[in-house]
Protein backbone atom coordinates (compact mmCIF):
# COMPACT_ATOMS: atom_id res chain seq x y z
CA MET A 1 -12.63 -198.51 -60.78
CA ILE A 2 -9.58 -195.28 -59.95
CA LYS A 3 -11.33 -192.81 -58.83
CA LEU A 4 -10.81 -189.23 -58.84
CA PHE A 5 -11.75 -186.52 -57.11
CA LEU A 6 -10.56 -182.59 -59.74
CA HIS A 7 -11.51 -179.41 -57.52
CA GLY A 8 -10.59 -176.91 -60.78
CA ARG A 9 -11.70 -174.49 -63.20
CA ALA A 10 -13.81 -175.34 -66.61
CA THR A 11 -11.34 -173.23 -69.34
CA LYS A 12 -14.11 -172.48 -71.43
CA ASP A 13 -17.95 -172.98 -71.86
CA VAL A 14 -18.88 -176.45 -72.10
CA GLU A 15 -20.60 -177.42 -75.57
CA LEU A 16 -22.97 -180.74 -76.28
CA SER A 17 -22.18 -183.23 -78.82
CA SER A 18 -23.34 -186.19 -80.13
CA THR A 19 -21.68 -189.71 -81.26
CA ASN A 20 -22.69 -190.75 -84.48
CA SER A 21 -26.05 -193.30 -83.16
CA ASN A 22 -26.97 -189.98 -81.94
CA ILE A 23 -25.86 -190.33 -77.75
CA PRO A 24 -25.48 -186.80 -76.17
CA TYR A 25 -22.36 -186.11 -74.27
CA CYS A 26 -20.22 -183.24 -73.66
CA ARG A 27 -16.07 -182.89 -73.30
CA PHE A 28 -14.14 -180.23 -71.57
CA ASN A 29 -10.80 -179.40 -69.30
CA LEU A 30 -10.51 -178.38 -65.67
CA ALA A 31 -7.49 -176.07 -64.91
CA CYS A 32 -6.69 -177.19 -61.07
CA LYS A 33 -3.81 -176.34 -59.13
CA THR A 34 -1.66 -179.01 -57.82
CA GLU A 35 1.01 -179.26 -55.72
CA MET A 36 4.12 -179.20 -57.11
CA GLN A 37 5.95 -175.97 -56.96
CA ASP A 38 8.38 -174.07 -60.03
CA LYS A 39 11.96 -173.46 -58.71
CA ASN A 40 10.16 -169.57 -58.28
CA GLY A 41 7.05 -171.15 -55.99
CA GLU A 42 4.49 -170.37 -58.52
CA TYR A 43 1.84 -173.92 -58.44
CA LYS A 44 1.25 -176.24 -61.10
CA THR A 45 -1.50 -176.60 -63.39
CA GLU A 46 -3.02 -179.72 -64.58
CA PHE A 47 -5.87 -180.06 -67.85
CA VAL A 48 -7.57 -182.72 -66.75
CA THR A 49 -10.22 -183.72 -69.58
CA CYS A 50 -13.62 -184.49 -68.04
CA ILE A 51 -15.83 -186.41 -70.15
CA ALA A 52 -19.74 -186.68 -69.48
CA TRP A 53 -22.52 -188.61 -71.33
CA ARG A 54 -26.55 -188.48 -72.14
CA GLU A 55 -28.47 -186.64 -68.93
CA LYS A 56 -25.76 -185.47 -67.28
CA ALA A 57 -23.99 -184.10 -69.97
CA GLU A 58 -26.85 -182.21 -71.46
CA LEU A 59 -27.01 -181.32 -67.51
CA ILE A 60 -23.26 -179.86 -67.49
CA ALA A 61 -23.63 -178.44 -70.90
CA LYS A 62 -27.06 -176.24 -70.00
CA SER A 63 -25.24 -175.10 -66.12
CA ILE A 64 -20.80 -175.05 -66.40
CA LYS A 65 -19.16 -171.81 -68.40
CA LYS A 66 -15.42 -171.01 -68.68
CA GLY A 67 -14.39 -170.19 -64.82
CA ASP A 68 -16.47 -171.76 -63.79
CA GLN A 69 -14.67 -173.56 -59.80
CA LEU A 70 -16.32 -177.14 -59.37
CA ILE A 71 -15.54 -180.62 -57.91
CA VAL A 72 -15.74 -183.16 -60.35
CA LEU A 73 -15.87 -187.02 -58.78
CA GLY A 74 -15.25 -189.86 -61.36
CA ALA A 75 -13.40 -192.67 -62.66
CA LEU A 76 -10.01 -192.53 -65.35
CA ASN A 77 -10.88 -194.31 -67.81
CA SER A 78 -8.65 -194.23 -70.71
CA ARG A 79 -9.31 -194.17 -74.24
CA GLN A 80 -6.58 -194.66 -77.97
CA TYR A 81 -6.42 -193.57 -81.20
CA GLU A 82 -3.85 -194.08 -83.76
CA ASN A 83 -2.35 -190.44 -85.93
CA ARG A 84 0.20 -189.83 -88.20
CA ASP A 85 1.95 -191.21 -84.96
CA GLY A 86 0.72 -193.68 -83.91
CA ILE A 87 -1.17 -194.99 -82.19
CA GLN A 88 -2.05 -193.10 -78.70
CA THR A 89 -3.48 -193.50 -75.19
CA VAL A 90 -6.15 -189.97 -74.17
CA TRP A 91 -6.90 -190.80 -69.88
CA GLU A 92 -10.05 -188.78 -69.90
CA CYS A 93 -12.21 -188.48 -65.91
CA THR A 94 -15.94 -190.25 -66.52
CA ILE A 95 -18.07 -187.74 -64.84
CA LYS A 96 -20.51 -189.50 -61.43
CA GLU A 97 -21.01 -186.16 -59.70
CA ILE A 98 -20.05 -182.74 -60.19
CA SER A 99 -20.80 -179.72 -57.58
CA PHE A 100 -20.50 -175.21 -58.07
CA VAL A 101 -17.95 -173.98 -55.62
CA ASP A 102 -18.24 -170.80 -54.43
CA LYS A 103 -17.75 -169.23 -50.88
CA LYS A 104 -21.02 -169.05 -50.08
CA GLY A 105 -21.77 -173.13 -51.31
CA GLU A 106 -24.28 -171.40 -54.58
CA PRO A 107 -23.44 -171.27 -57.88
CA THR A 108 -21.82 -168.48 -59.95
CA ASN A 109 -23.45 -167.89 -61.71
CA THR A 110 -26.74 -166.60 -59.55
CA GLU A 111 -29.73 -166.50 -62.22
CA MET A 112 -29.32 -170.30 -63.01
CA LYS A 113 -30.93 -172.96 -60.33
CA VAL A 114 -28.48 -175.66 -59.99
CA PRO A 115 -30.35 -178.67 -61.79
CA GLN A 116 -30.81 -182.03 -60.35
CA GLY A 117 -27.85 -183.68 -60.10
CA LEU A 118 -25.75 -180.75 -60.03
CA SER A 119 -25.65 -179.38 -55.82
CA PRO A 120 -23.35 -176.60 -55.07
CA TYR A 121 -20.02 -176.35 -53.14
CA ASP A 122 -20.17 -175.97 -49.35
CA GLY A 123 -16.68 -175.13 -48.28
CA ASP A 124 -15.03 -171.97 -47.77
CA ASP A 125 -12.54 -172.68 -50.15
CA GLU A 126 -9.32 -174.96 -51.21
CA ASP A 127 -7.76 -174.83 -47.37
CA SER A 128 -11.51 -176.56 -46.27
CA LEU A 129 -11.20 -179.33 -49.23
CA PRO A 130 -10.55 -182.25 -47.21
CA PHE A 131 -7.36 -183.53 -48.29
């Protein structure tokens, strides 16, 4: 298994969907700043597709809004689909654990209690991350 550790912001409100066999899932993009800089010294941003299944997806869809800063621990997985250009491969992060990030170690939405399975990240800022 390839594990991913991501730190970024949700690019939109997370919506719950379901498969044809009624298995709930959610898929969203996480905007993650990289260590790569362009010629102007600006850091490049990568957009990583994250996916969660079943109860975790239901929790995430209720809790995460556009702009929320998150830490995601997951597994790198690929899937293939066919379109007019042929077979395409998509790489996604299947979420195993997810946490909110806030300087005070609290959820970014103060009216929301942290649901079971989601926990606040207690770091002060990006400089406190272990990498």
